[in-house]
Amino acid sequence: MNRSTFLRAASAAVATAASVALLAACGGEDSADEGKDKGKAAAGSAEPRAAAGSASPAAAGGFTVTHVGGPTTILEIAGARLLLDPTFDQPKKYKSGLEKTQAPAFGPDRLGKIDAVLLSHDQHDDNLDDSGRKLLKDVPVVLSTPGAHKRLGDHVTGMKSWQTEELKTSRGTLVVTAVPALHGPDGVDRGADGEVTGFVLSGEGVPTTYISGDNASVKVAGQVGDRVEKEIGPIDTAVLFAGAARTPAILDNAPLTLTSRNAALVAKDLDPRRVVAVHTDSWNIYSEDMKSLKKAFQDQGIADKLVALEPDGTPRKLS
């Protein structure tokens, strides 16, 4: 389905909470201006769609975030409970060479009802461990990459970049859009091992939320932000996977997720009202932590935007 069809369908979702269609891809660190130009070119000359994300969190019935550990986070938004990248194993070493160094705040038995899992990718243990894999089959909706669908089965919906799915909630319709992410330096194609996705949450009464997934590129995040602002509206909240994940076996130890500095640059460029930072703890491949992230946000003059959650399983209501 082409982009014009998507825009008409997405606008209908904002106006009437009706169906949203599918769309095709976009792609592509430090050059924020270049990212913006390319993002605008990808969006084309279509009329901007209604700013669904302009509604306040209060209008959406609140927005609660619970950090369980690593990337694993629960988002309670617009009547839905969403789980990001489930990792619930106890500390252990994996055949891949990764090691989990810290237990999750709690196990799957304390999750409660989950309406959907948003899985950035399935190839690496720190984003989907053994317990997380078992959990997927008990969740009604799992959204991830096309490759994850092939590897994990039909209970996983594989989404191409800019494809959308809608979730019916007690408060209406939550639109989930898959967005580009680059799991490594700009210009590097890691093939199937590097296939990842980010997500954007939107809809009537929903604070528009960008979830980066394991994206390392400032440029790609800028392109996503430009297109989202043009076609959906301003980003209210950004959930950034940071930690500067590194392993000698891949790209000579290059960062595979956002460094602290680059996370701050993304936040400054996208200018959301707040930034929730995860993916900085519990695994041996994360080379930077929350302390360095706080400093980077201070250096960029945006320390007030950062919501620095401890991985303690405590629900935090965002104001």
C-alpha atoms as a PDB file:
ATOM      1  CA  MET A   1       0.000   0.000   0.000  1.00  0.00           C
ATOM      2  CA  ASN A   2       1.412   3.399  -0.865  1.00  0.00           C
ATOM      3  CA  ARG A   3       2.022   6.369   1.427  1.00  0.00           C
ATOM      4  CA  SER A   4      -1.024   8.350   0.296  1.00  0.00           C
ATOM      5  CA  THR A   5      -3.273   5.452   1.239  1.00  0.00           C
ATOM      6  CA  PHE A   6      -1.571   5.285   4.636  1.00  0.00           C
ATOM      7  CA  LEU A   7      -2.098   8.977   5.270  1.00  0.00           C
ATOM      8  CA  ARG A   8      -5.794   8.769   4.477  1.00  0.00           C
ATOM      9  CA  ALA A   9      -6.198   5.715   6.721  1.00  0.00           C
ATOM     10  CA  ALA A  10      -4.141   7.189   9.563  1.00  0.00           C
ATOM     11  CA  SER A  11      -6.119  10.428   9.455  1.00  0.00           C
ATOM     12  CA  ALA A  12      -9.296   8.406   9.733  1.00  0.00           C
ATOM     13  CA  ALA A  13      -7.887   6.710  12.816  1.00  0.00           C
ATOM     14  CA  VAL A  14      -7.330  10.085  14.438  1.00  0.00           C
ATOM     15  CA  ALA A  15     -10.762  11.388  13.549  1.00  0.00           C
ATOM     16  CA  THR A  16     -12.886   8.279  14.085  1.00  0.00           C
ATOM     17  CA  ALA A  17     -10.648   5.559  15.583  1.00  0.00           C
ATOM     18  CA  ALA A  18     -11.136   3.572  12.397  1.00  0.00           C
ATOM     19  CA  SER A  19      -8.699   1.250  10.615  1.00  0.00           C
ATOM     20  CA  VAL A  20      -5.119   2.148   9.738  1.00  0.00           C
ATOM     21  CA  ALA A  21      -3.272   0.710   6.739  1.00  0.00           C
ATOM     22  CA  LEU A  22       0.247  -0.354   5.872  1.00  0.00           C
ATOM     23  CA  LEU A  23       3.167   1.588   4.494  1.00  0.00           C
ATOM     24  CA  ALA A  24       6.679   0.996   3.156  1.00  0.00           C
ATOM     25  CA  ALA A  25      10.177   1.906   4.276  1.00  0.00           C
ATOM     26  CA  CYS A  26      12.597   4.716   5.069  1.00  0.00           C
ATOM     27  CA  GLY A  27      16.211   4.444   6.362  1.00  0.00           C
ATOM     28  CA  GLY A  28      19.739   5.810   7.187  1.00  0.00           C
ATOM     29  CA  GLU A  29      24.935  10.154  13.392  1.00  0.00           C
ATOM     30  CA  ASP A  30      25.930  13.191  14.116  1.00  0.00           C
ATOM     31  CA  SER A  31      24.606  15.338  11.222  1.00  0.00           C
ATOM     32  CA  ALA A  32      21.183  16.330  12.485  1.00  0.00           C
ATOM     33  CA  ASP A  33      20.553  18.679   9.555  1.00  0.00           C
ATOM     34  CA  GLU A  34      21.247  15.953   7.009  1.00  0.00           C
ATOM     35  CA  GLY A  35      18.875  13.626   8.830  1.00  0.00           C
ATOM     36  CA  LYS A  36      16.129  16.221   8.763  1.00  0.00           C
ATOM     37  CA  ASP A  37      16.505  16.869   5.054  1.00  0.00           C
ATOM     38  CA  LYS A  38      16.291  13.178   4.227  1.00  0.00           C
ATOM     39  CA  GLY A  39      13.356  12.678   6.561  1.00  0.00           C
ATOM     40  CA  LYS A  40      11.418  15.426   4.813  1.00  0.00           C
ATOM     41  CA  ALA A  41      12.209  13.949   1.429  1.00  0.00           C
ATOM     42  CA  ALA A  42      10.908  10.563   2.576  1.00  0.00           C
ATOM     43  CA  ALA A  43       7.698  12.140   3.809  1.00  0.00           C
ATOM     44  CA  GLY A  44       7.093  13.777   0.428  1.00  0.00           C
ATOM     45  CA  SER A  45       4.674  16.605  -0.242  1.00  0.00           C
ATOM     46  CA  ALA A  46       1.575  15.051   1.302  1.00  0.00           C
ATOM     47  CA  GLU A  47      -0.497  17.145   3.668  1.00  0.00           C
ATOM     48  CA  PRO A  48       0.515  16.659   7.313  1.00  0.00           C
ATOM     49  CA  ARG A  49      -1.841  14.367   9.167  1.00  0.00           C
ATOM     50  CA  ALA A  50      -3.647  15.507  12.325  1.00  0.00           C
ATOM     51  CA  ALA A  51      -1.434  15.816  15.405  1.00  0.00           C
ATOM     52  CA  ALA A  52      -2.811  12.922  17.409  1.00  0.00           C
ATOM     53  CA  GLY A  53      -0.009  13.241  19.940  1.00  0.00           C
ATOM     54  CA  SER A  54      -0.886  16.790  20.921  1.00  0.00           C
ATOM     55  CA  ALA A  55      -3.320  15.616  23.592  1.00  0.00           C
ATOM     56  CA  SER A  56      -2.002  15.734  27.141  1.00  0.00           C
ATOM     57  CA  PRO A  57      -1.208  12.574  29.115  1.00  0.00           C
ATOM     58  CA  ALA A  58      -4.014  13.537  31.473  1.00  0.00           C
ATOM     59  CA  ALA A  59      -6.445  13.375  28.579  1.00  0.00           C
ATOM     60  CA  ALA A  60      -5.130   9.911  27.777  1.00  0.00           C
ATOM     61  CA  GLY A  61      -5.785   8.706  31.321  1.00  0.00           C
ATOM     62  CA  GLY A  62      -2.155   8.802  32.409  1.00  0.00           C
ATOM     63  CA  PHE A  63       1.125   7.322  31.253  1.00  0.00           C
ATOM     64  CA  THR A  64       2.982   4.966  33.571  1.00  0.00           C
ATOM     65  CA  VAL A  65       6.434   3.467  32.976  1.00  0.00           C
ATOM     66  CA  THR A  66       7.946   0.539  34.878  1.00  0.00           C
ATOM     67  CA  HIS A  67      11.593  -0.396  34.273  1.00  0.00           C
ATOM     68  CA  VAL A  68      12.269  -4.082  34.920  1.00  0.00           C
ATOM     69  CA  GLY A  69      15.904  -4.198  33.771  1.00  0.00           C
ATOM     70  CA  GLY A  70      18.002  -3.808  30.628  1.00  0.00           C
ATOM     71  CA  PRO A  71      15.598  -2.819  27.848  1.00  0.00           C
ATOM     72  CA  THR A  72      12.620  -4.502  29.515  1.00  0.00           C
ATOM     73  CA  THR A  73      10.008  -1.873  30.307  1.00  0.00           C
ATOM     74  CA  ILE A  74       6.252  -1.776  30.786  1.00  0.00           C
ATOM     75  CA  LEU A  75       4.362   1.142  29.273  1.00  0.00           C
ATOM     76  CA  GLU A  76       0.802   1.758  30.444  1.00  0.00           C
ATOM     77  CA  ILE A  77      -0.653   4.192  27.959  1.00  0.00           C
ATOM     78  CA  ALA A  78      -4.125   4.987  26.635  1.00  0.00           C
ATOM     79  CA  GLY A  79      -5.683   1.939  28.268  1.00  0.00           C
ATOM     80  CA  ALA A  80      -3.033  -0.527  27.023  1.00  0.00           C
ATOM     81  CA  ARG A  81      -0.191  -2.336  28.818  1.00  0.00           C
ATOM     82  CA  LEU A  82       2.771  -2.786  26.503  1.00  0.00           C
ATOM     83  CA  LEU A  83       5.971  -4.708  27.245  1.00  0.00           C
ATOM     84  CA  LEU A  84       9.235  -3.767  25.551  1.00  0.00           C
ATOM     85  CA  ASP A  85      11.883  -6.441  24.817  1.00  0.00           C
ATOM     86  CA  PRO A  86      11.165  -9.069  27.510  1.00  0.00           C
ATOM     87  CA  THR A  87      14.217 -10.341  29.412  1.00  0.00           C
ATOM     88  CA  PHE A  88      13.380 -12.179  32.634  1.00  0.00           C
ATOM     89  CA  ASP A  89      16.247 -14.681  33.082  1.00  0.00           C
ATOM     90  CA  GLN A  90      18.296 -14.692  36.238  1.00  0.00           C
ATOM     91  CA  PRO A  91      22.013 -13.776  35.815  1.00  0.00           C
ATOM     92  CA  LYS A  92      23.725 -16.261  33.504  1.00  0.00           C
ATOM     93  CA  LYS A  93      26.128 -16.638  30.593  1.00  0.00           C
ATOM     94  CA  TYR A  94      24.840 -17.422  27.107  1.00  0.00           C
ATOM     95  CA  LYS A  95      26.356 -19.361  24.218  1.00  0.00           C
ATOM     96  CA  SER A  96      26.471 -16.095  22.293  1.00  0.00           C
ATOM     97  CA  GLY A  97      29.055 -14.738  24.762  1.00  0.00           C
ATOM     98  CA  LEU A  98      26.603 -12.309  26.346  1.00  0.00           C
ATOM     99  CA  GLU A  99      26.205 -12.372  30.105  1.00  0.00           C
ATOM    100  CA  LYS A 100      23.324 -11.179  32.206  1.00  0.00           C
ATOM    101  CA  THR A 101      24.813  -9.584  35.309  1.00  0.00           C
ATOM    102  CA  GLN A 102      21.727  -8.490  37.259  1.00  0.00           C
ATOM    103  CA  ALA A 103      18.388 -10.126  37.982  1.00  0.00           C
ATOM    104  CA  PRO A 104      15.203  -8.469  36.709  1.00  0.00           C
ATOM    105  CA  ALA A 105      13.142  -6.536  39.211  1.00  0.00           C
ATOM    106  CA  PHE A 106      10.542  -9.303  39.060  1.00  0.00           C
ATOM    107  CA  GLY A 107       9.592 -12.312  36.987  1.00  0.00           C
ATOM    108  CA  PRO A 108       6.855 -12.941  34.420  1.00  0.00           C
ATOM    109  CA  ASP A 109       4.549 -14.156  37.204  1.00  0.00           C
ATOM    110  CA  ARG A 110       4.234 -10.549  38.419  1.00  0.00           C
ATOM    111  CA  LEU A 111       3.677  -8.947  35.051  1.00  0.00           C
ATOM    112  CA  GLY A 112      -0.094  -8.942  35.092  1.00  0.00           C
ATOM    113  CA  LYS A 113      -2.017  -8.615  31.865  1.00  0.00           C
ATOM    114  CA  ILE A 114       0.056  -7.557  28.863  1.00  0.00           C
ATOM    115  CA  ASP A 115      -1.837  -6.444  25.759  1.00  0.00           C
ATOM    116  CA  ALA A 116       1.150  -6.481  23.411  1.00  0.00           C
ATOM    117  CA  VAL A 117       4.899  -7.003  23.276  1.00  0.00           C
ATOM    118  CA  LEU A 118       6.907  -4.539  21.194  1.00  0.00           C
ATOM    119  CA  LEU A 119      10.072  -6.449  20.346  1.00  0.00           C
ATOM    120  CA  SER A 120      12.884  -4.473  18.744  1.00  0.00           C
ATOM    121  CA  HIS A 121      14.511  -7.717  17.570  1.00  0.00           C
ATOM    122  CA  ASP A 122      14.928 -11.354  18.557  1.00  0.00           C
ATOM    123  CA  GLN A 123      18.526 -12.172  17.543  1.00  0.00           C
ATOM    124  CA  HIS A 124      20.316 -11.118  20.736  1.00  0.00           C
ATOM    125  CA  ASP A 125      19.852 -12.398  24.279  1.00  0.00           C
ATOM    126  CA  ASP A 126      19.891  -8.958  25.896  1.00  0.00           C
ATOM    127  CA  ASN A 127      16.688  -8.056  24.040  1.00  0.00           C
ATOM    128  CA  LEU A 128      14.963 -11.438  24.142  1.00  0.00           C
ATOM    129  CA  ASP A 129      16.303 -14.035  26.561  1.00  0.00           C
ATOM    130  CA  ASP A 130      15.101 -17.573  27.240  1.00  0.00           C
ATOM    131  CA  SER A 131      12.325 -16.556  29.651  1.00  0.00           C
ATOM    132  CA  GLY A 132      11.249 -13.816  27.268  1.00  0.00           C
ATOM    133  CA  ARG A 133      10.865 -16.296  24.423  1.00  0.00           C
ATOM    134  CA  LYS A 134       8.587 -18.481  26.542  1.00  0.00           C
ATOM    135  CA  LEU A 135       6.497 -15.457  27.478  1.00  0.00           C
ATOM    136  CA  LEU A 136       5.760 -14.421  23.882  1.00  0.00           C
ATOM    137  CA  LYS A 137       3.303 -17.229  23.256  1.00  0.00           C
ATOM    138  CA  ASP A 138       1.174 -16.102  26.211  1.00  0.00           C
ATOM    139  CA  VAL A 139       0.776 -12.549  24.874  1.00  0.00           C
ATOM    140  CA  PRO A 140      -2.072 -11.851  22.425  1.00  0.00           C
ATOM    141  CA  VAL A 141      -0.055  -9.493  20.190  1.00  0.00           C
ATOM    142  CA  VAL A 142       3.686  -9.511  19.461  1.00  0.00           C
ATOM    143  CA  LEU A 143       5.005  -6.887  17.043  1.00  0.00           C
ATOM    144  CA  SER A 144       8.564  -7.102  15.720  1.00  0.00           C
ATOM    145  CA  THR A 145      10.619  -7.379  12.526  1.00  0.00           C
ATOM    146  CA  PRO A 146       9.851  -9.517   9.462  1.00  0.00           C
ATOM    147  CA  GLY A 147      12.854 -11.662  10.395  1.00  0.00           C
ATOM    148  CA  ALA A 148      11.462 -12.257  13.878  1.00  0.00           C
ATOM    149  CA  HIS A 149       8.240 -13.486  12.303  1.00  0.00           C
ATOM    150  CA  LYS A 150      10.186 -16.023  10.247  1.00  0.00           C
ATOM    151  CA  ARG A 151      12.280 -17.221  13.190  1.00  0.00           C
ATOM    152  CA  LEU A 152       9.677 -17.165  15.970  1.00  0.00           C
ATOM    153  CA  GLY A 153       6.477 -18.120  14.145  1.00  0.00           C
ATOM    154  CA  ASP A 154       3.048 -16.858  13.248  1.00  0.00           C
ATOM    155  CA  HIS A 155       2.269 -15.504  16.733  1.00  0.00           C
ATOM    156  CA  VAL A 156       4.738 -12.701  15.892  1.00  0.00           C
ATOM    157  CA  THR A 157       3.648 -10.010  13.451  1.00  0.00           C
ATOM    158  CA  GLY A 158       6.582  -8.871  11.338  1.00  0.00           C
ATOM    159  CA  MET A 159       6.387  -5.157  10.516  1.00  0.00           C
ATOM    160  CA  LYS A 160       8.310  -3.318   7.841  1.00  0.00           C
ATOM    161  CA  SER A 161       9.350   0.279   8.509  1.00  0.00           C
ATOM    162  CA  TRP A 162       6.356   2.638   8.465  1.00  0.00           C
ATOM    163  CA  GLN A 163       3.868  -0.214   8.533  1.00  0.00           C
ATOM    164  CA  THR A 164       1.173   0.257  11.164  1.00  0.00           C
ATOM    165  CA  GLU A 165      -0.958  -1.916  13.394  1.00  0.00           C
ATOM    166  CA  GLU A 166      -3.783  -0.748  15.623  1.00  0.00           C
ATOM    167  CA  LEU A 167      -4.580  -2.009  19.099  1.00  0.00           C
ATOM    168  CA  LYS A 168      -8.108  -1.624  20.417  1.00  0.00           C
ATOM    169  CA  THR A 169      -8.059  -0.497  24.042  1.00  0.00           C
ATOM    170  CA  SER A 170     -10.617   0.414  26.678  1.00  0.00           C
ATOM    171  CA  ARG A 171     -10.105   4.046  25.666  1.00  0.00           C
ATOM    172  CA  GLY A 172     -10.123   3.711  21.890  1.00  0.00           C
ATOM    173  CA  THR A 173      -7.431   2.850  19.387  1.00  0.00           C
ATOM    174  CA  LEU A 174      -3.666   2.880  19.880  1.00  0.00           C
ATOM    175  CA  VAL A 175      -1.733   3.045  16.609  1.00  0.00           C
ATOM    176  CA  VAL A 176       1.690   1.350  16.569  1.00  0.00           C
ATOM    177  CA  THR A 177       4.003   2.322  13.703  1.00  0.00           C
ATOM    178  CA  ALA A 178       7.251   0.470  13.039  1.00  0.00           C
ATOM    179  CA  VAL A 179      10.090   2.918  12.321  1.00  0.00           C
ATOM    180  CA  PRO A 180      13.673   2.530  11.080  1.00  0.00           C
ATOM    181  CA  ALA A 181      16.537   1.697  13.434  1.00  0.00           C
ATOM    182  CA  LEU A 182      20.212   1.042  12.716  1.00  0.00           C
ATOM    183  CA  HIS A 183      21.955  -1.475  14.982  1.00  0.00           C
ATOM    184  CA  GLY A 184      25.463  -0.106  14.462  1.00  0.00           C
ATOM    185  CA  PRO A 185      27.371   2.789  12.861  1.00  0.00           C
ATOM    186  CA  ASP A 186      25.996   4.766   9.926  1.00  0.00           C
ATOM    187  CA  GLY A 187      26.799   3.208   6.590  1.00  0.00           C
ATOM    188  CA  VAL A 188      27.168  -0.345   7.902  1.00  0.00           C
ATOM    189  CA  ASP A 189      24.796  -3.110   6.843  1.00  0.00           C
ATOM    190  CA  ARG A 190      24.928  -6.022   9.293  1.00  0.00           C
ATOM    191  CA  GLY A 191      22.411  -8.051   7.343  1.00  0.00           C
ATOM    192  CA  ALA A 192      19.926 -10.248   9.150  1.00  0.00           C
ATOM    193  CA  ASP A 193      21.890 -10.097  12.429  1.00  0.00           C
ATOM    194  CA  GLY A 194      21.405  -6.332  12.536  1.00  0.00           C
ATOM    195  CA  GLU A 195      17.716  -6.205  11.621  1.00  0.00           C
ATOM    196  CA  VAL A 196      15.952  -4.129  14.274  1.00  0.00           C
ATOM    197  CA  THR A 197      12.960  -1.854  14.517  1.00  0.00           C
ATOM    198  CA  GLY A 198      11.795   1.079  16.577  1.00  0.00           C
ATOM    199  CA  PHE A 199       8.173   2.009  17.209  1.00  0.00           C
ATOM    200  CA  VAL A 200       5.969   5.083  17.453  1.00  0.00           C
ATOM    201  CA  LEU A 201       2.748   5.090  19.480  1.00  0.00           C
ATOM    202  CA  SER A 202       0.003   7.495  18.480  1.00  0.00           C
ATOM    203  CA  GLY A 203      -3.749   7.921  18.164  1.00  0.00           C
ATOM    204  CA  GLU A 204      -6.557  10.078  19.454  1.00  0.00           C
ATOM    205  CA  GLY A 205      -5.770  11.118  23.026  1.00  0.00           C
ATOM    206  CA  VAL A 206      -2.375   9.344  22.958  1.00  0.00           C
ATOM    207  CA  PRO A 207       0.848  11.231  23.782  1.00  0.00           C
ATOM    208  CA  THR A 208       2.951  10.477  20.685  1.00  0.00           C
ATOM    209  CA  THR A 209       5.793   8.251  21.877  1.00  0.00           C
ATOM    210  CA  TYR A 210       8.990   7.272  20.044  1.00  0.00           C
ATOM    211  CA  ILE A 211      10.649   4.001  21.112  1.00  0.00           C
ATOM    212  CA  SER A 212      14.120   3.827  19.569  1.00  0.00           C
ATOM    213  CA  GLY A 213      14.811   0.097  19.941  1.00  0.00           C
ATOM    214  CA  ASP A 214      18.470  -0.838  19.472  1.00  0.00           C
ATOM    215  CA  ASN A 215      19.225   2.124  17.231  1.00  0.00           C
ATOM    216  CA  ALA A 216      22.741   3.612  17.366  1.00  0.00           C
ATOM    217  CA  SER A 217      22.291   6.357  14.766  1.00  0.00           C
ATOM    218  CA  VAL A 218      21.525  10.003  15.489  1.00  0.00           C
ATOM    219  CA  LYS A 219      20.826  10.459  11.788  1.00  0.00           C
ATOM    220  CA  VAL A 220      18.210   7.719  11.624  1.00  0.00           C
ATOM    221  CA  ALA A 221      16.485   9.000  14.764  1.00  0.00           C
ATOM    222  CA  GLY A 222      16.409  12.470  13.201  1.00  0.00           C
ATOM    223  CA  GLN A 223      14.808  11.133  10.040  1.00  0.00           C
ATOM    224  CA  VAL A 224      12.188   9.326  12.087  1.00  0.00           C
ATOM    225  CA  GLY A 225      11.497  12.450  14.129  1.00  0.00           C
ATOM    226  CA  ASP A 226      11.043  14.596  11.029  1.00  0.00           C
ATOM    227  CA  ARG A 227       8.602  12.226   9.421  1.00  0.00           C
ATOM    228  CA  VAL A 228       6.641  11.640  12.615  1.00  0.00           C
ATOM    229  CA  GLU A 229       6.297  15.373  13.236  1.00  0.00           C
ATOM    230  CA  LYS A 230       5.101  15.947   9.693  1.00  0.00           C
ATOM    231  CA  GLU A 231       2.666  13.042   9.456  1.00  0.00           C
ATOM    232  CA  ILE A 232       1.553  12.490  13.068  1.00  0.00           C
ATOM    233  CA  GLY A 233       2.603  15.431  15.211  1.00  0.00           C
ATOM    234  CA  PRO A 234       5.217  16.470  17.790  1.00  0.00           C
ATOM    235  CA  ILE A 235       6.848  13.705  19.829  1.00  0.00           C
ATOM    236  CA  ASP A 236       5.755  13.979  23.454  1.00  0.00           C
ATOM    237  CA  THR A 237       7.898  11.188  24.932  1.00  0.00           C
ATOM    238  CA  ALA A 238      11.010   9.386  23.692  1.00  0.00           C
ATOM    239  CA  VAL A 239      12.034   6.014  25.111  1.00  0.00           C
ATOM    240  CA  LEU A 240      15.709   5.678  24.176  1.00  0.00           C
ATOM    241  CA  PHE A 241      17.745   2.483  24.302  1.00  0.00           C
ATOM    242  CA  ALA A 242      21.208   3.705  25.319  1.00  0.00           C
ATOM    243  CA  GLY A 243      24.155   1.999  27.030  1.00  0.00           C
ATOM    244  CA  ALA A 244      26.526   1.996  24.010  1.00  0.00           C
ATOM    245  CA  ALA A 245      26.361  -1.780  23.636  1.00  0.00           C
ATOM    246  CA  ARG A 246      29.683  -3.167  22.359  1.00  0.00           C
ATOM    247  CA  THR A 247      31.230  -6.545  21.665  1.00  0.00           C
ATOM    248  CA  PRO A 248      34.657  -7.252  20.129  1.00  0.00           C
ATOM    249  CA  ALA A 249      33.065  -9.822  17.833  1.00  0.00           C
ATOM    250  CA  ILE A 250      30.945  -7.235  16.001  1.00  0.00           C
ATOM    251  CA  LEU A 251      32.332  -4.268  14.052  1.00  0.00           C
ATOM    252  CA  ASP A 252      35.510  -4.104  16.136  1.00  0.00           C
ATOM    253  CA  ASN A 253      33.721  -2.994  19.309  1.00  0.00           C
ATOM    254  CA  ALA A 254      31.792  -0.156  17.667  1.00  0.00           C
ATOM    255  CA  PRO A 255      28.708   1.033  19.606  1.00  0.00           C
ATOM    256  CA  LEU A 256      25.602  -0.891  18.556  1.00  0.00           C
ATOM    257  CA  THR A 257      23.159   1.263  20.517  1.00  0.00           C
ATOM    258  CA  LEU A 258      23.138   4.952  21.402  1.00  0.00           C
ATOM    259  CA  THR A 259      26.100   6.281  23.334  1.00  0.00           C
ATOM    260  CA  SER A 260      25.253   8.656  26.148  1.00  0.00           C
ATOM    261  CA  ARG A 261      26.331  11.635  24.036  1.00  0.00           C
ATOM    262  CA  ASN A 262      24.317  10.497  21.046  1.00  0.00           C
ATOM    263  CA  ALA A 263      21.246   9.825  23.168  1.00  0.00           C
ATOM    264  CA  ALA A 264      21.469  13.428  24.374  1.00  0.00           C
ATOM    265  CA  LEU A 265      21.887  14.641  20.774  1.00  0.00           C
ATOM    266  CA  VAL A 266      18.799  12.695  19.720  1.00  0.00           C
ATOM    267  CA  ALA A 267      16.845  14.173  22.613  1.00  0.00           C
ATOM    268  CA  LYS A 268      17.990  17.686  21.729  1.00  0.00           C
ATOM    269  CA  ASP A 269      17.092  17.209  18.064  1.00  0.00           C
ATOM    270  CA  LEU A 270      13.685  15.594  18.555  1.00  0.00           C
ATOM    271  CA  ASP A 271      12.860  17.906  21.469  1.00  0.00           C
ATOM    272  CA  PRO A 272      10.313  15.683  23.230  1.00  0.00           C
ATOM    273  CA  ARG A 273       8.803  16.877  26.476  1.00  0.00           C
ATOM    274  CA  ARG A 274      10.563  14.031  28.289  1.00  0.00           C
ATOM    275  CA  VAL A 275      13.014  11.197  27.649  1.00  0.00           C
ATOM    276  CA  VAL A 276      12.809   7.815  29.349  1.00  0.00           C
ATOM    277  CA  ALA A 277      16.210   6.090  29.222  1.00  0.00           C
ATOM    278  CA  VAL A 278      16.605   2.311  29.424  1.00  0.00           C
ATOM    279  CA  HIS A 279      19.085  -0.343  28.187  1.00  0.00           C
ATOM    280  CA  THR A 280      21.980   0.848  30.403  1.00  0.00           C
ATOM    281  CA  ASP A 281      22.127  -1.931  33.019  1.00  0.00           C
ATOM    282  CA  SER A 282      22.040  -5.678  33.687  1.00  0.00           C
ATOM    283  CA  TRP A 283      24.183  -6.907  30.737  1.00  0.00           C
ATOM    284  CA  ASN A 284      27.946  -7.127  30.201  1.00  0.00           C
ATOM    285  CA  ILE A 285      27.908  -5.529  26.736  1.00  0.00           C
ATOM    286  CA  TYR A 286      26.630  -2.128  27.885  1.00  0.00           C
ATOM    287  CA  SER A 287      29.684   0.105  28.073  1.00  0.00           C
ATOM    288  CA  GLU A 288      27.980   3.250  29.425  1.00  0.00           C
ATOM    289  CA  ASP A 289      25.555   3.679  32.294  1.00  0.00           C
ATOM    290  CA  MET A 290      22.929   6.021  33.662  1.00  0.00           C
ATOM    291  CA  LYS A 291      25.585   8.182  35.329  1.00  0.00           C
ATOM    292  CA  SER A 292      27.230   8.985  31.993  1.00  0.00           C
ATOM    293  CA  LEU A 293      23.814   9.523  30.433  1.00  0.00           C
ATOM    294  CA  LYS A 294      22.874  12.096  33.053  1.00  0.00           C
ATOM    295  CA  LYS A 295      26.155  13.932  32.429  1.00  0.00           C
ATOM    296  CA  ALA A 296      25.593  13.944  28.675  1.00  0.00           C
ATOM    297  CA  PHE A 297      22.126  15.447  29.097  1.00  0.00           C
ATOM    298  CA  GLN A 298      23.579  18.074  31.443  1.00  0.00           C
ATOM    299  CA  ASP A 299      26.292  18.905  28.908  1.00  0.00           C
ATOM    300  CA  GLN A 300      23.615  19.483  26.253  1.00  0.00           C
ATOM    301  CA  GLY A 301      21.565  21.667  28.605  1.00  0.00           C
ATOM    302  CA  ILE A 302      18.556  19.329  28.632  1.00  0.00           C
ATOM    303  CA  ALA A 303      18.921  17.572  32.002  1.00  0.00           C
ATOM    304  CA  ASP A 304      15.322  18.488  32.830  1.00  0.00           C
ATOM    305  CA  LYS A 305      14.024  16.250  30.034  1.00  0.00           C
ATOM    306  CA  LEU A 306      15.607  13.042  31.330  1.00  0.00           C
ATOM    307  CA  VAL A 307      13.546  10.539  33.311  1.00  0.00           C
ATOM    308  CA  ALA A 308      16.260   8.333  34.799  1.00  0.00           C
ATOM    309  CA  LEU A 309      14.499   5.182  35.954  1.00  0.00           C
ATOM    310  CA  GLU A 310      16.112   2.634  38.224  1.00  0.00           C
ATOM    311  CA  PRO A 311      15.492  -0.988  37.126  1.00  0.00           C
ATOM    312  CA  ASP A 312      13.605  -1.683  40.341  1.00  0.00           C
ATOM    313  CA  GLY A 313      10.139  -2.495  38.995  1.00  0.00           C
ATOM    314  CA  THR A 314       8.559   0.600  40.545  1.00  0.00           C
ATOM    315  CA  PRO A 315       5.785   2.139  38.401  1.00  0.00           C
ATOM    316  CA  ARG A 316       6.520   5.774  37.604  1.00  0.00           C
ATOM    317  CA  LYS A 317       3.675   7.985  36.488  1.00  0.00           C
ATOM    318  CA  LEU A 318       4.902  10.541  33.998  1.00  0.00           C
ATOM    319  CA  SER A 319       3.451  14.026  34.487  1.00  0.00           C
END
